[in-house]
Amino acid sequence: MMKPHTHSVFDQDLERIRMNVLTLGGRVEEAILLASQALEDRDEDLAARVVRDDKIIDALEEDINNQVVRLLALRQPQADDLRATVAVMKMTGELERLGDYAKNMAKRVPVLIASPAIEGAGAALRRQARQVRQMLKDMLDAFSRGDVELAEDVIARDVEVDNMTNALFREFITRMMEDPRSITPCLHYIFIAKNIERMGDLVTDGAEQVMFSVTGERPGERVKGVSTATVDLGVAQDEDRNR
């Protein structure tokens, strides 16, 4: 029969895992930064580095998950301890998926370099990615400190990412309508903008995990920005012409 864990030993094991999660989060922050920089600068070498380094993120996730499984098997946590352990595992998966989205952004750079340049597109997407990266940084800080108020603030800021996505969607659709040569790059930019929006959702999921692990309660329904599904393409074109 397994011996129940002592609280101090469990805390030490969980703290080591939490530190590894923060290391993983730092890697993901860097991936988002470099991918958006490669996109704006049209830097194929930097993009290739992001793609290559995603293997490190994957390996970190696998290692953390193995540590969590061992912790569950050996320490048999209950109640609050179990909740904190499960939250860590879920957050780890969300961080790995964030890394995948950064990799996807970087993988589109060579195609965009070979396509007609769309003035201002890379800079706009980098601003959107910067917003998500700051949310991620604050979410990790909230996770480190068990700061529910900061986690709530991260969740509230996701609406800004949604609205930025909507604005970019309208802009790229208008450009495609006006110049068929821009269709290929603009489609890639739209996919990137939607991926960054999804990154914001994943960071928000992580902030919700922070709240759940601390309070045992789930936050209420999220406030969302304007959906790209509601964009009237004719209106978007008319507004652009009247600028």
Protein backbone atom coordinates (compact mmCIF):
# COMPACT_ATOMS: atom_id res chain seq x y z
CA MET A 1 0.00 0.00 0.00
CA MET A 2 1.28 3.48 -0.94
CA LYS A 3 2.14 5.75 1.96
CA PRO A 4 0.31 9.10 1.92
CA HIS A 5 2.56 11.97 1.03
CA THR A 6 3.82 14.36 3.65
CA HIS A 7 2.81 17.91 2.88
CA SER A 8 6.37 19.25 2.85
CA VAL A 9 7.67 16.64 0.41
CA PHE A 10 4.72 17.15 -1.91
CA ASP A 11 5.21 20.93 -1.82
CA GLN A 12 8.88 20.55 -2.72
CA ASP A 13 8.08 18.28 -5.65
CA LEU A 14 5.30 20.55 -6.92
CA GLU A 15 7.48 23.63 -6.57
CA ARG A 16 10.15 22.04 -8.76
CA ILE A 17 7.51 21.33 -11.38
CA ARG A 18 6.18 24.87 -11.15
CA MET A 19 9.67 26.25 -11.74
CA ASN A 20 9.96 24.08 -14.84
CA VAL A 21 6.61 25.43 -16.06
CA LEU A 22 7.97 28.96 -15.69
CA THR A 23 11.04 27.93 -17.70
CA LEU A 24 8.75 26.55 -20.39
CA GLY A 25 6.75 29.77 -20.33
CA GLY A 26 9.91 31.81 -20.81
CA ARG A 27 10.80 29.73 -23.86
CA VAL A 28 7.34 30.34 -25.29
CA GLU A 29 7.59 34.08 -24.66
CA GLU A 30 10.86 34.11 -26.59
CA ALA A 31 9.33 32.10 -29.45
CA ILE A 32 6.48 34.60 -29.83
CA LEU A 33 8.92 37.51 -29.73
CA LEU A 34 11.28 36.05 -32.33
CA ALA A 35 8.52 34.79 -34.64
CA SER A 36 6.85 38.21 -34.76
CA GLN A 37 10.23 39.88 -35.27
CA ALA A 38 11.04 37.50 -38.14
CA LEU A 39 7.66 38.28 -39.65
CA GLU A 40 8.13 42.05 -39.55
CA ASP A 41 11.79 41.96 -40.64
CA ARG A 42 11.17 39.23 -43.25
CA ASP A 43 14.06 37.34 -41.67
CA GLU A 44 14.11 33.74 -42.88
CA ASP A 45 17.05 32.71 -40.68
CA LEU A 46 15.34 33.94 -37.53
CA ALA A 47 12.13 32.19 -38.56
CA ALA A 48 14.07 28.94 -39.05
CA ARG A 49 15.49 29.30 -35.54
CA VAL A 50 11.96 29.54 -34.08
CA VAL A 51 10.91 26.40 -35.95
CA ARG A 52 14.03 24.55 -34.84
CA ASP A 53 13.77 25.60 -31.19
CA ASP A 54 10.17 24.40 -30.93
CA LYS A 55 11.66 20.97 -30.26
CA ILE A 56 13.00 22.34 -26.98
CA ILE A 57 9.51 23.47 -26.00
CA ASP A 58 8.08 20.05 -26.87
CA ALA A 59 10.78 18.31 -24.82
CA LEU A 60 10.14 20.55 -21.81
CA GLU A 61 6.42 19.83 -21.98
CA GLU A 62 7.02 16.09 -22.11
CA ASP A 63 9.42 16.24 -19.17
CA ILE A 64 6.96 18.26 -17.05
CA ASN A 65 4.12 15.87 -17.84
CA ASN A 66 6.29 12.92 -16.80
CA GLN A 67 7.10 14.71 -13.55
CA VAL A 68 3.41 15.34 -12.89
CA VAL A 69 2.53 11.69 -13.53
CA ARG A 70 5.23 10.59 -11.08
CA LEU A 71 3.95 13.09 -8.52
CA LEU A 72 0.40 11.80 -8.84
CA ALA A 73 1.53 8.19 -8.55
CA LEU A 74 3.94 8.60 -5.64
CA ARG A 75 2.28 11.32 -3.54
CA GLN A 76 -1.40 10.66 -4.21
CA PRO A 77 -2.46 14.29 -3.65
CA GLN A 78 -5.95 15.09 -2.45
CA ALA A 79 -8.28 18.11 -2.57
CA ASP A 80 -6.34 21.38 -3.01
CA ASP A 81 -3.09 19.58 -3.81
CA LEU A 82 -4.75 17.57 -6.55
CA ARG A 83 -6.37 20.69 -7.98
CA ALA A 84 -3.03 22.49 -8.13
CA THR A 85 -1.37 19.50 -9.80
CA VAL A 86 -4.05 19.17 -12.48
CA ALA A 87 -3.92 22.92 -13.15
CA VAL A 88 -0.18 22.66 -13.74
CA MET A 89 -0.65 19.83 -16.25
CA LYS A 90 -3.32 21.75 -18.17
CA MET A 91 -1.24 24.91 -18.24
CA THR A 92 1.73 22.98 -19.57
CA GLY A 93 -0.33 21.76 -22.52
CA GLU A 94 -1.53 25.28 -23.24
CA LEU A 95 2.03 26.60 -23.24
CA GLU A 96 3.12 23.90 -25.68
CA ARG A 97 0.28 24.84 -28.02
CA LEU A 98 1.31 28.49 -27.80
CA GLY A 99 4.74 27.40 -28.98
CA ASP A 100 3.13 25.58 -31.90
CA TYR A 101 1.33 28.76 -32.95
CA ALA A 102 4.59 30.72 -32.80
CA LYS A 103 6.22 28.02 -34.94
CA ASN A 104 3.37 28.23 -37.43
CA MET A 105 3.86 31.98 -37.66
CA ALA A 106 7.55 31.49 -38.36
CA LYS A 107 6.90 28.78 -40.99
CA ARG A 108 4.89 31.29 -43.06
CA VAL A 109 7.79 33.77 -43.25
CA PRO A 110 9.53 32.18 -46.31
CA VAL A 111 6.26 32.23 -48.26
CA LEU A 112 5.67 35.86 -47.36
CA ILE A 113 9.21 36.81 -48.36
CA ALA A 114 8.52 35.33 -51.80
CA SER A 115 5.21 37.22 -52.08
CA PRO A 116 4.51 40.93 -52.71
CA ALA A 117 5.17 42.98 -49.58
CA ILE A 118 2.09 44.35 -47.78
CA GLU A 119 3.09 47.66 -46.23
CA GLY A 120 2.60 47.79 -42.47
CA ALA A 121 1.29 44.21 -42.17
CA GLY A 122 4.28 42.78 -40.32
CA ALA A 123 4.39 45.69 -37.88
CA ALA A 124 0.66 45.42 -37.17
CA LEU A 125 0.90 41.70 -36.45
CA ARG A 126 3.94 42.26 -34.27
CA ARG A 127 1.89 44.72 -32.18
CA GLN A 128 -0.84 42.12 -31.84
CA ALA A 129 1.72 39.48 -30.82
CA ARG A 130 3.26 41.93 -28.32
CA GLN A 131 -0.12 42.25 -26.62
CA VAL A 132 -0.37 38.46 -26.29
CA ARG A 133 3.23 38.20 -25.09
CA GLN A 134 2.58 40.74 -22.32
CA MET A 135 -0.55 38.84 -21.31
CA LEU A 136 1.54 35.65 -21.19
CA LYS A 137 4.19 37.31 -19.04
CA ASP A 138 1.55 38.54 -16.60
CA MET A 139 -0.19 35.17 -16.57
CA LEU A 140 3.08 33.48 -15.64
CA ASP A 141 3.66 36.08 -12.92
CA ALA A 142 0.14 35.40 -11.60
CA PHE A 143 0.89 31.67 -11.66
CA SER A 144 4.17 32.18 -9.80
CA ARG A 145 2.60 34.30 -7.06
CA GLY A 146 -0.90 32.85 -6.95
CA ASP A 147 -2.17 36.33 -7.84
CA VAL A 148 -5.89 36.07 -8.65
CA GLU A 149 -6.33 39.77 -9.39
CA LEU A 150 -3.55 39.74 -11.99
CA ALA A 151 -5.05 36.61 -13.55
CA GLU A 152 -8.41 38.38 -13.79
CA ASP A 153 -6.72 41.35 -15.47
CA VAL A 154 -5.14 39.05 -18.06
CA ILE A 155 -8.55 37.56 -18.85
CA ALA A 156 -10.08 41.02 -19.28
CA ARG A 157 -7.37 42.06 -21.74
CA ASP A 158 -8.18 39.26 -24.18
CA VAL A 159 -10.94 41.44 -25.64
CA GLU A 160 -8.25 43.81 -26.94
CA VAL A 161 -6.66 40.96 -28.90
CA ASP A 162 -10.06 40.06 -30.35
CA ASN A 163 -10.63 43.63 -31.49
CA MET A 164 -7.17 43.86 -33.02
CA THR A 165 -7.86 40.66 -34.96
CA ASN A 166 -11.12 42.06 -36.26
CA ALA A 167 -9.43 45.29 -37.42
CA LEU A 168 -6.65 43.36 -39.19
CA PHE A 169 -9.16 41.04 -40.83
CA ARG A 170 -11.04 44.03 -42.30
CA GLU A 171 -7.81 45.62 -43.47
CA PHE A 172 -6.53 42.51 -45.25
CA ILE A 173 -9.89 41.76 -46.86
CA THR A 174 -10.01 45.31 -48.22
CA ARG A 175 -6.50 45.00 -49.66
CA MET A 176 -7.39 41.73 -51.40
CA MET A 177 -10.47 43.35 -52.93
CA GLU A 178 -8.44 46.25 -54.27
CA ASP A 179 -5.42 44.33 -55.56
CA PRO A 180 -5.63 40.63 -56.55
CA ARG A 181 -1.82 40.41 -56.33
CA SER A 182 -2.12 40.81 -52.57
CA ILE A 183 -4.41 37.80 -52.11
CA THR A 184 -1.71 35.23 -51.29
CA PRO A 185 0.19 37.28 -48.69
CA CYS A 186 -2.99 38.69 -47.17
CA LEU A 187 -4.45 35.22 -46.72
CA HIS A 188 -1.31 34.21 -44.84
CA TYR A 189 -1.54 37.36 -42.71
CA ILE A 190 -5.18 36.58 -41.91
CA PHE A 191 -4.23 33.07 -40.78
CA ILE A 192 -1.46 34.54 -38.62
CA ALA A 193 -3.81 37.12 -37.08
CA LYS A 194 -6.33 34.39 -36.24
CA ASN A 195 -3.56 32.25 -34.75
CA ILE A 196 -2.44 35.13 -32.56
CA GLU A 197 -6.04 35.58 -31.44
CA ARG A 198 -6.09 31.90 -30.51
CA MET A 199 -2.84 32.42 -28.60
CA GLY A 200 -4.65 35.06 -26.57
CA ASP A 201 -7.39 32.54 -25.81
CA LEU A 202 -4.81 30.01 -24.61
CA VAL A 203 -3.17 32.57 -22.34
CA THR A 204 -6.62 33.37 -20.97
CA ASP A 205 -7.19 29.66 -20.36
CA GLY A 206 -3.94 29.64 -18.39
CA ALA A 207 -5.10 32.60 -16.30
CA GLU A 208 -8.33 30.73 -15.56
CA GLN A 209 -6.25 27.77 -14.39
CA VAL A 210 -4.43 30.11 -12.01
CA MET A 211 -7.74 31.28 -10.57
CA PHE A 212 -9.04 27.73 -10.26
CA SER A 213 -5.90 26.44 -8.55
CA VAL A 214 -6.02 29.25 -5.97
CA THR A 215 -9.75 29.61 -5.32
CA GLY A 216 -11.26 26.33 -6.51
CA GLU A 217 -13.72 28.32 -8.61
CA ARG A 218 -14.03 28.96 -12.34
CA PRO A 219 -14.38 32.54 -13.59
CA GLY A 220 -17.62 33.65 -15.23
CA GLU A 221 -18.25 33.92 -18.95
CA ARG A 222 -15.56 35.85 -20.82
CA VAL A 223 -16.21 39.18 -22.48
CA LYS A 224 -15.29 38.79 -26.15
CA GLY A 225 -14.46 41.41 -28.76
CA VAL A 226 -16.13 41.79 -32.13
CA SER A 227 -15.96 38.53 -34.08
CA THR A 228 -14.47 38.43 -37.56
CA ALA A 229 -17.56 36.44 -38.56
CA THR A 230 -19.61 39.65 -38.29
CA VAL A 231 -17.48 41.71 -40.69
CA ASP A 232 -19.49 43.15 -43.59
CA LEU A 233 -17.01 43.01 -46.46
CA GLY A 234 -18.86 45.62 -48.48
CA VAL A 235 -18.84 48.05 -45.59
CA ALA A 236 -15.17 47.37 -44.95
CA GLN A 237 -14.37 48.31 -48.54
CA ASP A 238 -16.53 51.46 -48.47
CA GLU A 239 -14.93 52.63 -45.21
CA ASP A 240 -11.44 52.20 -46.71
CA ARG A 241 -12.35 54.27 -49.74
CA ASN A 242 -13.65 57.10 -47.55
CA ARG A 243 -10.45 57.44 -45.48
